[in-house]
């Protein structure tokens, strides 16, 4: 019984909050500054990523892109190796 009352109260609160949030998020006065802030954050992240990549390169360590490229090549090699093993099994 207590659980049902709590659940009904929570559902009422959640519905009212969702309606309010939808109205606020549809307001251009909220969306425009949030969009500008998000753009600024993404530009700062991109600049930070470039700086970190340059730092790792200066230290002589592989960057994330270098590691991803190596991983891709390893995956290609593994796939070819599995194909060759399968061909050998078929011939035997």
PDB file of N, CA and C in Angstrom:
ATOM      1  N   UNK A   1       0.824  -1.193   0.000  1.00  0.00           N
ATOM      2  CA  UNK A   1       0.000   0.000   0.000  1.00  0.00           C
ATOM      3  C   UNK A   1       0.867   1.256   0.000  1.00  0.00           C
ATOM      4  N   UNK A   2       1.862   1.308   0.870  1.00  0.00           N
ATOM      5  CA  UNK A   2       2.753   2.470   0.909  1.00  0.00           C
ATOM      6  C   UNK A   2       3.514   2.585  -0.402  1.00  0.00           C
ATOM      7  N   UNK A   3       3.916   1.423  -0.919  1.00  0.00           N
ATOM      8  CA  UNK A   3       4.658   1.412  -2.176  1.00  0.00           C
ATOM      9  C   UNK A   3       3.804   1.979  -3.308  1.00  0.00           C
ATOM     10  N   UNK A   4       2.542   1.611  -3.385  1.00  0.00           N
ATOM     11  CA  UNK A   4       1.643   2.115  -4.429  1.00  0.00           C
ATOM     12  C   UNK A   4       1.458   3.618  -4.318  1.00  0.00           C
ATOM     13  N   UNK A   5       1.322   4.130  -3.112  1.00  0.00           N
ATOM     14  CA  UNK A   5       1.189   5.583  -2.920  1.00  0.00           C
ATOM     15  C   UNK A   5       2.458   6.297  -3.357  1.00  0.00           C
ATOM     16  N   UNK A   6       3.596   5.743  -2.972  1.00  0.00           N
ATOM     17  CA  UNK A   6       4.869   6.358  -3.354  1.00  0.00           C
ATOM     18  C   UNK A   6       5.027   6.338  -4.871  1.00  0.00           C
ATOM     19  N   UNK A   7       4.677   5.219  -5.483  1.00  0.00           N
ATOM     20  CA  UNK A   7       4.789   5.087  -6.929  1.00  0.00           C
ATOM     21  C   UNK A   7       3.876   6.082  -7.644  1.00  0.00           C
ATOM     22  N   UNK A   8       2.640   6.266  -7.164  1.00  0.00           N
ATOM     23  CA  UNK A   8       1.728   7.234  -7.764  1.00  0.00           C
ATOM     24  C   UNK A   8       2.272   8.648  -7.630  1.00  0.00           C
ATOM     25  N   UNK A   9       2.813   8.963  -6.456  1.00  0.00           N
ATOM     26  CA  UNK A   9       3.401  10.285  -6.255  1.00  0.00           C
ATOM     27  C   UNK A   9       4.591  10.511  -7.162  1.00  0.00           C
ATOM     28  N   UNK A  10       5.414   9.503  -7.276  1.00  0.00           N
ATOM     29  CA  UNK A  10       6.575   9.626  -8.150  1.00  0.00           C
ATOM     30  C   UNK A  10       6.152   9.811  -9.598  1.00  0.00           C
ATOM     31  N   UNK A  11       5.177   9.036 -10.044  1.00  0.00           N
ATOM     32  CA  UNK A  11       4.702   9.159 -11.426  1.00  0.00           C
ATOM     33  C   UNK A  11       4.133  10.546 -11.700  1.00  0.00           C
ATOM     34  N   UNK A  12       3.391  11.101 -10.751  1.00  0.00           N
ATOM     35  CA  UNK A  12       2.835  12.453 -10.906  1.00  0.00           C
ATOM     36  C   UNK A  12       3.964  13.476 -10.979  1.00  0.00           C
ATOM     37  N   UNK A  13       4.945  13.345 -10.095  1.00  0.00           N
ATOM     38  CA  UNK A  13       6.097  14.262 -10.105  1.00  0.00           C
ATOM     39  C   UNK A  13       6.861  14.148 -11.419  1.00  0.00           C
ATOM     40  N   UNK A  14       7.091  12.919 -11.887  1.00  0.00           N
ATOM     41  CA  UNK A  14       7.853  12.705 -13.115  1.00  0.00           C
ATOM     42  C   UNK A  14       7.132  13.290 -14.315  1.00  0.00           C
ATOM     43  N   UNK A  15       5.823  13.136 -14.376  1.00  0.00           N
ATOM     44  CA  UNK A  15       5.046  13.671 -15.490  1.00  0.00           C
ATOM     45  C   UNK A  15       5.091  15.201 -15.499  1.00  0.00           C
ATOM     46  N   UNK A  16       4.907  15.826 -14.338  1.00  0.00           N
ATOM     47  CA  UNK A  16       4.945  17.292 -14.258  1.00  0.00           C
ATOM     48  C   UNK A  16       6.337  17.810 -14.608  1.00  0.00           C
ATOM     49  N   UNK A  17       7.363  17.142 -14.120  1.00  0.00           N
ATOM     50  CA  UNK A  17       8.740  17.553 -14.409  1.00  0.00           C
ATOM     51  C   UNK A  17       9.049  17.410 -15.885  1.00  0.00           C
ATOM     52  N   UNK A  18       8.601  16.329 -16.512  1.00  0.00           N
ATOM     53  CA  UNK A  18       8.844  16.104 -17.933  1.00  0.00           C
ATOM     54  C   UNK A  18       8.175  17.187 -18.770  1.00  0.00           C
ATOM     55  N   UNK A  19       6.936  17.546 -18.436  1.00  0.00           N
ATOM     56  CA  UNK A  19       6.235  18.596 -19.186  1.00  0.00           C
ATOM     57  C   UNK A  19       6.963  19.933 -19.055  1.00  0.00           C
ATOM     58  N   UNK A  20       7.384  20.264 -17.840  1.00  0.00           N
ATOM     59  CA  UNK A  20       8.105  21.518 -17.619  1.00  0.00           C
ATOM     60  C   UNK A  20       9.420  21.528 -18.388  1.00  0.00           C
ATOM     61  N   UNK A  21      10.159  20.435 -18.322  1.00  0.00           N
ATOM     62  CA  UNK A  21      11.450  20.356 -19.002  1.00  0.00           C
ATOM     63  C   UNK A  21      11.279  20.483 -20.508  1.00  0.00           C
ATOM     64  N   UNK A  22      10.247  19.864 -21.062  1.00  0.00           N
ATOM     65  CA  UNK A  22       9.992  19.977 -22.496  1.00  0.00           C
ATOM     66  C   UNK A  22       9.724  21.420 -22.899  1.00  0.00           C
ATOM     67  N   UNK A  23       8.940  22.140 -22.081  1.00  0.00           N
ATOM     68  CA  UNK A  23       8.657  23.550 -22.396  1.00  0.00           C
ATOM     69  C   UNK A  23       9.929  24.387 -22.320  1.00  0.00           C
ATOM     70  N   UNK A  24      10.730  24.161 -21.302  1.00  0.00           N
ATOM     71  CA  UNK A  24      11.967  24.937 -21.142  1.00  0.00           C
ATOM     72  C   UNK A  24      12.924  24.645 -22.298  1.00  0.00           C
ATOM     73  N   UNK A  25      13.064  23.371 -22.658  1.00  0.00           N
ATOM     74  CA  UNK A  25      14.017  22.999 -23.699  1.00  0.00           C
ATOM     75  C   UNK A  25      13.564  23.425 -25.096  1.00  0.00           C
ATOM     76  N   UNK A  26      12.286  23.752 -25.280  1.00  0.00           N
ATOM     77  CA  UNK A  26      11.794  24.226 -26.568  1.00  0.00           C
ATOM     78  C   UNK A  26      11.939  25.740 -26.696  1.00  0.00           C
ATOM     79  N   UNK A  27      12.310  26.418 -25.635  1.00  0.00           N
ATOM     80  CA  UNK A  27      12.426  27.870 -25.622  1.00  0.00           C
ATOM     81  C   UNK A  27      13.731  28.296 -26.296  1.00  0.00           C
ATOM     82  N   UNK A  28      13.657  29.129 -27.365  1.00  0.00           N
ATOM     83  CA  UNK A  28      14.873  29.591 -28.035  1.00  0.00           C
ATOM     84  C   UNK A  28      15.807  30.370 -27.106  1.00  0.00           C
ATOM     85  N   UNK A  29      15.246  31.002 -26.088  1.00  0.00           N
ATOM     86  CA  UNK A  29      16.079  31.724 -25.128  1.00  0.00           C
ATOM     87  C   UNK A  29      16.976  30.796 -24.318  1.00  0.00           C
ATOM     88  N   UNK A  30      16.611  29.548 -24.244  1.00  0.00           N
ATOM     89  CA  UNK A  30      17.430  28.545 -23.559  1.00  0.00           C
ATOM     90  C   UNK A  30      18.300  27.805 -24.567  1.00  0.00           C
ATOM     91  N   UNK A  31      17.705  27.455 -25.717  1.00  0.00           N
ATOM     92  CA  UNK A  31      18.423  26.652 -26.698  1.00  0.00           C
ATOM     93  C   UNK A  31      19.614  27.375 -27.319  1.00  0.00           C
ATOM     94  N   UNK A  32      19.464  28.639 -27.657  1.00  0.00           N
ATOM     95  CA  UNK A  32      20.562  29.358 -28.318  1.00  0.00           C
ATOM     96  C   UNK A  32      21.809  29.463 -27.438  1.00  0.00           C
ATOM     97  N   UNK A  33      21.695  29.889 -26.181  1.00  0.00           N
ATOM     98  CA  UNK A  33      22.895  29.925 -25.336  1.00  0.00           C
ATOM     99  C   UNK A  33      23.479  28.530 -25.078  1.00  0.00           C
ATOM    100  N   UNK A  34      22.596  27.542 -24.930  1.00  0.00           N
ATOM    101  CA  UNK A  34      23.104  26.183 -24.713  1.00  0.00           C
ATOM    102  C   UNK A  34      23.845  25.677 -25.934  1.00  0.00           C
ATOM    103  N   UNK A  35      23.341  26.000 -27.122  1.00  0.00           N
ATOM    104  CA  UNK A  35      24.018  25.611 -28.358  1.00  0.00           C
ATOM    105  C   UNK A  35      25.366  26.290 -28.482  1.00  0.00           C
ATOM    106  N   UNK A  36      25.419  27.580 -28.148  1.00  0.00           N
ATOM    107  CA  UNK A  36      26.689  28.306 -28.205  1.00  0.00           C
ATOM    108  C   UNK A  36      27.679  27.745 -27.195  1.00  0.00           C
ATOM    109  N   UNK A  37      27.191  27.398 -26.013  1.00  0.00           N
ATOM    110  CA  UNK A  37      28.069  26.827 -24.992  1.00  0.00           C
ATOM    111  C   UNK A  37      28.608  25.470 -25.446  1.00  0.00           C
ATOM    112  N   UNK A  38      27.745  24.646 -26.025  1.00  0.00           N
ATOM    113  CA  UNK A  38      28.162  23.336 -26.501  1.00  0.00           C
ATOM    114  C   UNK A  38      29.194  23.470 -27.621  1.00  0.00           C
ATOM    115  N   UNK A  39      28.988  24.425 -28.514  1.00  0.00           N
ATOM    116  CA  UNK A  39      29.959  24.668 -29.585  1.00  0.00           C
ATOM    117  C   UNK A  39      31.308  25.057 -28.998  1.00  0.00           C
ATOM    118  N   UNK A  40      31.297  25.936 -28.012  1.00  0.00           N
ATOM    119  CA  UNK A  40      32.549  26.341 -27.364  1.00  0.00           C
ATOM    120  C   UNK A  40      33.244  25.189 -26.669  1.00  0.00           C
ATOM    121  N   UNK A  41      32.476  24.364 -25.989  1.00  0.00           N
ATOM    122  CA  UNK A  41      33.055  23.209 -25.298  1.00  0.00           C
ATOM    123  C   UNK A  41      33.682  22.252 -26.300  1.00  0.00           C
ATOM    124  N   UNK A  42      33.004  21.997 -27.415  1.00  0.00           N
ATOM    125  CA  UNK A  42      33.531  21.074 -28.418  1.00  0.00           C
ATOM    126  C   UNK A  42      34.790  21.626 -29.084  1.00  0.00           C
ATOM    127  N   UNK A  43      34.833  22.943 -29.298  1.00  0.00           N
ATOM    128  CA  UNK A  43      36.053  23.547 -29.860  1.00  0.00           C
ATOM    129  C   UNK A  43      37.210  23.436 -28.869  1.00  0.00           C
ATOM    130  N   UNK A  44      36.924  23.648 -27.596  1.00  0.00           N
ATOM    131  CA  UNK A  44      37.965  23.519 -26.571  1.00  0.00           C
ATOM    132  C   UNK A  44      38.449  22.070 -26.475  1.00  0.00           C
ATOM    133  N   UNK A  45      37.538  21.119 -26.570  1.00  0.00           N
ATOM    134  CA  UNK A  45      37.923  19.706 -26.529  1.00  0.00           C
ATOM    135  C   UNK A  45      38.799  19.358 -27.717  1.00  0.00           C
ATOM    136  N   UNK A  46      38.431  19.831 -28.901  1.00  0.00           N
ATOM    137  CA  UNK A  46      39.226  19.553 -30.101  1.00  0.00           C
ATOM    138  C   UNK A  46      40.630  20.136 -29.956  1.00  0.00           C
ATOM    139  N   UNK A  47      40.717  21.360 -29.423  1.00  0.00           N
ATOM    140  CA  UNK A  47      42.036  21.972 -29.217  1.00  0.00           C
ATOM    141  C   UNK A  47      42.839  21.186 -28.184  1.00  0.00           C
ATOM    142  N   UNK A  48      42.187  20.741 -27.131  1.00  0.00           N
ATOM    143  CA  UNK A  48      42.863  19.925 -26.121  1.00  0.00           C
ATOM    144  C   UNK A  48      43.343  18.606 -26.689  1.00  0.00           C
ATOM    145  N   UNK A  49      42.519  17.977 -27.520  1.00  0.00           N
ATOM    146  CA  UNK A  49      42.913  16.716 -28.152  1.00  0.00           C
ATOM    147  C   UNK A  49      44.122  16.911 -29.058  1.00  0.00           C
ATOM    148  N   UNK A  50      44.128  18.006 -29.818  1.00  0.00           N
ATOM    149  CA  UNK A  50      45.282  18.283 -30.684  1.00  0.00           C
ATOM    150  C   UNK A  50      46.541  18.523 -29.862  1.00  0.00           C
ATOM    151  N   UNK A  51      46.400  19.247 -28.753  1.00  0.00           N
ATOM    152  CA  UNK A  51      47.559  19.518 -27.893  1.00  0.00           C
ATOM    153  C   UNK A  51      48.089  18.230 -27.275  1.00  0.00           C
ATOM    154  N   UNK A  52      47.201  17.359 -26.820  1.00  0.00           N
ATOM    155  CA  UNK A  52      47.644  16.096 -26.230  1.00  0.00           C
ATOM    156  C   UNK A  52      48.314  15.211 -27.268  1.00  0.00           C
ATOM    157  N   UNK A  53      47.782  15.194 -28.473  1.00  0.00           N
ATOM    158  CA  UNK A  53      48.384  14.404 -29.538  1.00  0.00           C
ATOM    159  C   UNK A  53      49.785  14.907 -29.844  1.00  0.00           C
ATOM    160  N   UNK A  54      49.941  16.229 -29.904  1.00  0.00           N
ATOM    161  CA  UNK A  54      51.262  16.806 -30.152  1.00  0.00           C
ATOM    162  C   UNK A  54      52.211  16.480 -28.999  1.00  0.00           C
ATOM    163  N   UNK A  55      51.716  16.520 -27.777  1.00  0.00           N
ATOM    164  CA  UNK A  55      52.546  16.205 -26.608  1.00  0.00           C
ATOM    165  C   UNK A  55      53.039  14.767 -26.657  1.00  0.00           C
ATOM    166  N   UNK A  56      52.121  13.821 -26.929  1.00  0.00           N
ATOM    167  CA  UNK A  56      52.524  12.415 -27.000  1.00  0.00           C
ATOM    168  C   UNK A  56      53.537  12.204 -28.112  1.00  0.00           C
ATOM    169  N   UNK A  57      53.342  12.895 -29.245  1.00  0.00           N
ATOM    170  CA  UNK A  57      54.291  12.768 -30.348  1.00  0.00           C
ATOM    171  C   UNK A  57      55.662  13.296 -29.943  1.00  0.00           C
ATOM    172  N   UNK A  58      55.684  14.412 -29.233  1.00  0.00           N
ATOM    173  CA  UNK A  58      56.963  14.977 -28.778  1.00  0.00           C
ATOM    174  C   UNK A  58      57.676  14.027 -27.816  1.00  0.00           C
ATOM    175  N   UNK A  59      56.919  13.280 -27.038  1.00  0.00           N
ATOM    176  CA  UNK A  59      57.502  12.315 -26.105  1.00  0.00           C
ATOM    177  C   UNK A  59      57.925  11.028 -26.810  1.00  0.00           C
ATOM    178  N   UNK A  60      57.606  10.920 -28.089  1.00  0.00           N
ATOM    179  CA  UNK A  60      57.965   9.725 -28.831  1.00  0.00           C
ATOM    180  C   UNK A  60      57.000   8.568 -28.638  1.00  0.00           C
ATOM    181  N   UNK A  61      55.813   8.850 -28.113  1.00  0.00           N
ATOM    182  CA  UNK A  61      54.819   7.808 -27.882  1.00  0.00           C
ATOM    183  C   UNK A  61      53.741   7.878 -28.959  1.00  0.00           C
ATOM    184  N   UNK A  62      53.109   6.746 -29.262  1.00  0.00           N
ATOM    185  CA  UNK A  62      52.065   6.768 -30.293  1.00  0.00           C
ATOM    186  C   UNK A  62      50.824   7.521 -29.813  1.00  0.00           C
ATOM    187  N   UNK A  63      50.234   8.240 -30.728  1.00  0.00           N
ATOM    188  CA  UNK A  63      48.998   8.958 -30.412  1.00  0.00           C
ATOM    189  C   UNK A  63      47.826   7.987 -30.512  1.00  0.00           C
ATOM    190  N   UNK A  64      46.671   8.449 -30.136  1.00  0.00           N
ATOM    191  CA  UNK A  64      45.468   7.607 -30.224  1.00  0.00           C
ATOM    192  C   UNK A  64      45.239   7.175 -31.662  1.00  0.00           C
ATOM    193  N   UNK A  65      45.416   8.088 -32.583  1.00  0.00           N
ATOM    194  CA  UNK A  65      45.221   7.758 -34.006  1.00  0.00           C
ATOM    195  C   UNK A  65      46.220   6.696 -34.453  1.00  0.00           C
ATOM    196  N   UNK A  66      47.474   6.827 -34.021  1.00  0.00           N
ATOM    197  CA  UNK A  66      48.483   5.811 -34.346  1.00  0.00           C
ATOM    198  C   UNK A  66      48.074   4.449 -33.793  1.00  0.00           C
ATOM    199  N   UNK A  67      47.585   4.431 -32.570  1.00  0.00           N
ATOM    200  CA  UNK A  67      47.168   3.176 -31.953  1.00  0.00           C
ATOM    201  C   UNK A  67      45.968   2.572 -32.680  1.00  0.00           C
ATOM    202  N   UNK A  68      45.018   3.412 -33.072  1.00  0.00           N
ATOM    203  CA  UNK A  68      43.856   2.920 -33.796  1.00  0.00           C
ATOM    204  C   UNK A  68      44.258   2.350 -35.152  1.00  0.00           C
ATOM    205  N   UNK A  69      45.193   3.010 -35.818  1.00  0.00           N
ATOM    206  CA  UNK A  69      45.681   2.524 -37.116  1.00  0.00           C
ATOM    207  C   UNK A  69      46.357   1.171 -36.947  1.00  0.00           C
ATOM    208  N   UNK A  70      47.182   1.027 -35.914  1.00  0.00           N
ATOM    209  CA  UNK A  70      47.857  -0.247 -35.648  1.00  0.00           C
ATOM    210  C   UNK A  70      46.849  -1.346 -35.322  1.00  0.00           C
ATOM    211  N   UNK A  71      45.849  -1.019 -34.524  1.00  0.00           N
ATOM    212  CA  UNK A  71      44.820  -1.992 -34.166  1.00  0.00           C
ATOM    213  C   UNK A  71      44.054  -2.443 -35.403  1.00  0.00           C
ATOM    214  N   UNK A  72      43.772  -1.518 -36.300  1.00  0.00           N
ATOM    215  CA  UNK A  72      43.071  -1.861 -37.537  1.00  0.00           C
ATOM    216  C   UNK A  72      43.905  -2.841 -38.360  1.00  0.00           C
ATOM    217  N   UNK A  73      45.196  -2.571 -38.479  1.00  0.00           N
ATOM    218  CA  UNK A  73      46.087  -3.468 -39.226  1.00  0.00           C
ATOM    219  C   UNK A  73      46.147  -4.846 -38.567  1.00  0.00           C
ATOM    220  N   UNK A  74      46.211  -4.886 -37.235  1.00  0.00           N
ATOM    221  CA  UNK A  74      46.215  -6.166 -36.525  1.00  0.00           C
ATOM    222  C   UNK A  74      44.932  -6.951 -36.777  1.00  0.00           C
ATOM    223  N   UNK A  75      43.807  -6.257 -36.782  1.00  0.00           N
ATOM    224  CA  UNK A  75      42.535  -6.918 -37.058  1.00  0.00           C
ATOM    225  C   UNK A  75      42.496  -7.478 -38.475  1.00  0.00           C
ATOM    226  N   UNK A  76      43.050  -6.731 -39.439  1.00  0.00           N
ATOM    227  CA  UNK A  76      43.106  -7.229 -40.809  1.00  0.00           C
ATOM    228  C   UNK A  76      43.979  -8.484 -40.890  1.00  0.00           C
ATOM    229  N   UNK A  77      45.134  -8.450 -40.242  1.00  0.00           N
ATOM    230  CA  UNK A  77      46.028  -9.603 -40.241  1.00  0.00           C
ATOM    231  C   UNK A  77      45.362 -10.822 -39.602  1.00  0.00           C
ATOM    232  N   UNK A  78      44.686 -10.613 -38.472  1.00  0.00           N
ATOM    233  CA  UNK A  78      44.010 -11.708 -37.795  1.00  0.00           C
ATOM    234  C   UNK A  78      42.934 -12.316 -38.690  1.00  0.00           C
ATOM    235  N   UNK A  79      42.195 -11.471 -39.398  1.00  0.00           N
ATOM    236  CA  UNK A  79      41.152 -11.951 -40.293  1.00  0.00           C
ATOM    237  C   UNK A  79      41.758 -12.786 -41.415  1.00  0.00           C
ATOM    238  N   UNK A  80      42.860 -12.320 -41.985  1.00  0.00           N
ATOM    239  CA  UNK A  80      43.521 -13.080 -43.054  1.00  0.00           C
ATOM    240  C   UNK A  80      44.057 -14.403 -42.526  1.00  0.00           C
ATOM    241  N   UNK A  81      44.618 -14.377 -41.334  1.00  0.00           N
ATOM    242  CA  UNK A  81      45.144 -15.600 -40.731  1.00  0.00           C
ATOM    243  C   UNK A  81      44.026 -16.618 -40.498  1.00  0.00           C
ATOM    244  N   UNK A  82      42.889 -16.166 -40.000  1.00  0.00           N
ATOM    245  CA  UNK A  82      41.754 -17.063 -39.787  1.00  0.00           C
ATOM    246  C   UNK A  82      41.263 -17.649 -41.109  1.00  0.00           C
ATOM    247  N   UNK A  83      41.250 -16.824 -42.159  1.00  0.00           N
ATOM    248  CA  UNK A  83      40.845 -17.315 -43.482  1.00  0.00           C
ATOM    249  C   UNK A  83      41.806 -18.391 -43.979  1.00  0.00           C
ATOM    250  N   UNK A  84      43.103 -18.172 -43.811  1.00  0.00           N
ATOM    251  CA  UNK A  84      44.101 -19.157 -44.242  1.00  0.00           C
ATOM    252  C   UNK A  84      43.968 -20.460 -43.449  1.00  0.00           C
ATOM    253  N   UNK A  85      43.739 -20.346 -42.133  1.00  0.00           N
ATOM    254  CA  UNK A  85      43.560 -21.544 -41.316  1.00  0.00           C
ATOM    255  C   UNK A  85      42.332 -22.326 -41.769  1.00  0.00           C
ATOM    256  N   UNK A  86      41.284 -21.624 -42.107  1.00  0.00           N
ATOM    257  CA  UNK A  86      40.065 -22.290 -42.581  1.00  0.00           C
ATOM    258  C   UNK A  86      40.324 -22.994 -43.908  1.00  0.00           C
ATOM    259  N   UNK A  87      41.068 -22.346 -44.803  1.00  0.00           N
ATOM    260  CA  UNK A  87      41.390 -22.972 -46.082  1.00  0.00           C
ATOM    261  C   UNK A  87      42.227 -24.231 -45.876  1.00  0.00           C
ATOM    262  N   UNK A  88      43.178 -24.177 -44.936  1.00  0.00           N
ATOM    263  CA  UNK A  88      44.008 -25.353 -44.652  1.00  0.00           C
ATOM    264  C   UNK A  88      43.162 -26.499 -44.111  1.00  0.00           C
ATOM    265  N   UNK A  89      42.214 -26.221 -43.234  1.00  0.00           N
ATOM    266  CA  UNK A  89      41.344 -27.256 -42.691  1.00  0.00           C
ATOM    267  C   UNK A  89      40.485 -27.891 -43.773  1.00  0.00           C
ATOM    268  N   UNK A  90      40.022 -27.069 -44.725  1.00  0.00           N
ATOM    269  CA  UNK A  90      39.194 -27.585 -45.813  1.00  0.00           C
ATOM    270  C   UNK A  90      39.982 -28.514 -46.724  1.00  0.00           C
ATOM    271  N   UNK A  91      41.259 -28.230 -46.921  1.00  0.00           N
ATOM    272  CA  UNK A  91      42.103 -29.053 -47.781  1.00  0.00           C
ATOM    273  C   UNK A  91      42.535 -30.353 -47.105  1.00  0.00           C
ATOM    274  N   UNK A  92      42.543 -30.360 -45.798  1.00  0.00           N
ATOM    275  CA  UNK A  92      43.014 -31.555 -45.087  1.00  0.00           C
ATOM    276  C   UNK A  92      41.967 -32.625 -44.962  1.00  0.00           C
TER     277      UNK A  92
END
